[in-house]
Amino acid sequence: MEEKKVSEGRPAPGYSTDQNRKKVPDEQIKEFLLELIAGEYSNFGYRKLTKMLRRIYKVEINKKKVYRLCKELDILRPQKRKRIKYPRKLA
């Protein structure tokens, strides 16, 4: 039996750019994320962390990439459970 080889898409480039089009490696971005988590932004999710990276460090980065880096660092917050509200029925 032959195993099917599944393509995982193109590989990640390993860097992002800042506003001056200089390359910022992923390792540096991970350090930025750890600094943000250690500070007052500890309760932020990956979307708000993306906004803070853009605002504070001037890095042009996508939220999907921040999600991937947060997953590698294991700093993602647990998702909220959505409770199903059943309608009240009269007898």
C-alpha atoms as a PDB file:
ATOM      1  CA  MET A   1       0.000   0.000   0.000  1.00  0.00           C
ATOM      2  CA  GLU A   2       1.223   3.444  -0.859  1.00  0.00           C
ATOM      3  CA  GLU A   3       0.805   6.323   1.539  1.00  0.00           C
ATOM      4  CA  LYS A   4      -0.856   9.429   0.195  1.00  0.00           C
ATOM      5  CA  LYS A   5       1.297  12.502   0.445  1.00  0.00           C
ATOM      6  CA  VAL A   6      -0.739  15.530   1.423  1.00  0.00           C
ATOM      7  CA  SER A   7       0.596  18.949   0.544  1.00  0.00           C
ATOM      8  CA  GLU A   8       0.610  21.308   3.507  1.00  0.00           C
ATOM      9  CA  GLY A   9       0.729  24.430   1.367  1.00  0.00           C
ATOM     10  CA  ARG A  10       3.684  26.667   0.865  1.00  0.00           C
ATOM     11  CA  PRO A  11       6.185  26.972   3.710  1.00  0.00           C
ATOM     12  CA  ALA A  12       6.144  30.023   5.955  1.00  0.00           C
ATOM     13  CA  PRO A  13       8.799  32.578   4.901  1.00  0.00           C
ATOM     14  CA  GLY A  14      10.179  33.023   8.453  1.00  0.00           C
ATOM     15  CA  TYR A  15       9.984  36.805   8.531  1.00  0.00           C
ATOM     16  CA  SER A  16       7.650  39.795   8.273  1.00  0.00           C
ATOM     17  CA  THR A  17       8.369  43.384   7.352  1.00  0.00           C
ATOM     18  CA  ASP A  18       8.125  46.646   9.217  1.00  0.00           C
ATOM     19  CA  GLN A  19       6.962  49.987   7.854  1.00  0.00           C
ATOM     20  CA  ASN A  20      10.407  50.665   6.337  1.00  0.00           C
ATOM     21  CA  ARG A  21      10.287  47.313   4.467  1.00  0.00           C
ATOM     22  CA  LYS A  22      13.041  45.858   6.652  1.00  0.00           C
ATOM     23  CA  LYS A  23      12.792  42.160   7.460  1.00  0.00           C
ATOM     24  CA  VAL A  24      11.814  41.219  11.008  1.00  0.00           C
ATOM     25  CA  PRO A  25      12.474  37.510  11.714  1.00  0.00           C
ATOM     26  CA  ASP A  26       9.829  35.327  13.341  1.00  0.00           C
ATOM     27  CA  GLU A  27      12.058  34.789  16.388  1.00  0.00           C
ATOM     28  CA  GLN A  28      12.017  38.543  17.037  1.00  0.00           C
ATOM     29  CA  ILE A  29       8.229  38.610  16.650  1.00  0.00           C
ATOM     30  CA  LYS A  30       7.967  35.768  19.178  1.00  0.00           C
ATOM     31  CA  GLU A  31       9.993  37.875  21.627  1.00  0.00           C
ATOM     32  CA  PHE A  32       7.629  40.804  21.007  1.00  0.00           C
ATOM     33  CA  LEU A  33       4.662  38.538  21.735  1.00  0.00           C
ATOM     34  CA  LEU A  34       6.203  37.279  24.976  1.00  0.00           C
ATOM     35  CA  GLU A  35       6.892  40.880  26.055  1.00  0.00           C
ATOM     36  CA  LEU A  36       3.268  41.827  25.371  1.00  0.00           C
ATOM     37  CA  ILE A  37       1.942  38.784  27.261  1.00  0.00           C
ATOM     38  CA  ALA A  38       4.229  39.499  30.227  1.00  0.00           C
ATOM     39  CA  GLY A  39       2.982  43.089  30.434  1.00  0.00           C
ATOM     40  CA  GLU A  40      -0.513  44.480  30.685  1.00  0.00           C
ATOM     41  CA  TYR A  41      -1.740  42.624  27.599  1.00  0.00           C
ATOM     42  CA  SER A  42      -1.826  39.173  29.209  1.00  0.00           C
ATOM     43  CA  ASN A  43      -5.553  38.649  28.590  1.00  0.00           C
ATOM     44  CA  PHE A  44      -5.450  39.496  24.877  1.00  0.00           C
ATOM     45  CA  GLY A  45      -6.172  37.000  22.130  1.00  0.00           C
ATOM     46  CA  TYR A  46      -4.283  36.686  18.882  1.00  0.00           C
ATOM     47  CA  ARG A  47      -6.373  39.339  17.107  1.00  0.00           C
ATOM     48  CA  LYS A  48      -5.713  42.026  19.703  1.00  0.00           C
ATOM     49  CA  LEU A  49      -2.057  40.978  19.894  1.00  0.00           C
ATOM     50  CA  THR A  50      -1.891  41.548  16.129  1.00  0.00           C
ATOM     51  CA  LYS A  51      -3.217  45.077  16.581  1.00  0.00           C
ATOM     52  CA  MET A  52      -0.653  45.764  19.311  1.00  0.00           C
ATOM     53  CA  LEU A  53       2.220  44.435  17.171  1.00  0.00           C
ATOM     54  CA  ARG A  54       1.146  46.756  14.381  1.00  0.00           C
ATOM     55  CA  ARG A  55       0.683  49.722  16.709  1.00  0.00           C
ATOM     56  CA  ILE A  56       3.687  49.419  19.054  1.00  0.00           C
ATOM     57  CA  TYR A  57       6.351  47.619  16.999  1.00  0.00           C
ATOM     58  CA  LYS A  58       5.198  48.841  13.535  1.00  0.00           C
ATOM     59  CA  VAL A  59       5.291  45.299  12.110  1.00  0.00           C
ATOM     60  CA  GLU A  60       3.157  44.534   9.075  1.00  0.00           C
ATOM     61  CA  ILE A  61       1.766  41.148  10.066  1.00  0.00           C
ATOM     62  CA  ASN A  62      -1.346  39.080   9.454  1.00  0.00           C
ATOM     63  CA  LYS A  63      -3.579  37.766  12.262  1.00  0.00           C
ATOM     64  CA  LYS A  64      -3.225  34.225  10.894  1.00  0.00           C
ATOM     65  CA  LYS A  65       0.538  34.402  11.285  1.00  0.00           C
ATOM     66  CA  VAL A  66       0.168  35.720  14.843  1.00  0.00           C
ATOM     67  CA  TYR A  67      -2.169  32.791  15.543  1.00  0.00           C
ATOM     68  CA  ARG A  68       0.444  30.340  14.233  1.00  0.00           C
ATOM     69  CA  LEU A  69       3.225  31.928  16.310  1.00  0.00           C
ATOM     70  CA  CYS A  70       1.042  31.993  19.439  1.00  0.00           C
ATOM     71  CA  LYS A  71       0.251  28.327  18.903  1.00  0.00           C
ATOM     72  CA  GLU A  72       3.972  27.525  18.662  1.00  0.00           C
ATOM     73  CA  LEU A  73       4.621  29.459  21.888  1.00  0.00           C
ATOM     74  CA  ASP A  74       1.566  27.861  23.560  1.00  0.00           C
ATOM     75  CA  ILE A  75       0.209  31.222  24.747  1.00  0.00           C
ATOM     76  CA  LEU A  76      -3.270  30.999  23.261  1.00  0.00           C
ATOM     77  CA  ARG A  77      -6.128  31.650  25.655  1.00  0.00           C
ATOM     78  CA  PRO A  78      -8.836  28.990  25.975  1.00  0.00           C
ATOM     79  CA  GLN A  79     -11.905  29.739  23.904  1.00  0.00           C
ATOM     80  CA  LYS A  80     -15.128  30.709  25.601  1.00  0.00           C
ATOM     81  CA  ARG A  81     -17.840  28.072  25.601  1.00  0.00           C
ATOM     82  CA  LYS A  82     -21.092  29.244  24.112  1.00  0.00           C
ATOM     83  CA  ARG A  83     -23.990  28.229  26.329  1.00  0.00           C
ATOM     84  CA  ILE A  84     -27.166  27.246  24.592  1.00  0.00           C
ATOM     85  CA  LYS A  85     -30.168  29.014  26.050  1.00  0.00           C
ATOM     86  CA  TYR A  86     -33.293  26.931  25.776  1.00  0.00           C
ATOM     87  CA  PRO A  87     -36.571  28.856  25.497  1.00  0.00           C
ATOM     88  CA  ARG A  88     -38.830  28.624  28.524  1.00  0.00           C
ATOM     89  CA  LYS A  89     -42.013  26.776  27.769  1.00  0.00           C
ATOM     90  CA  LEU A  90     -45.281  27.242  29.561  1.00  0.00           C
ATOM     91  CA  ALA A  91     -47.021  24.165  30.879  1.00  0.00           C
END
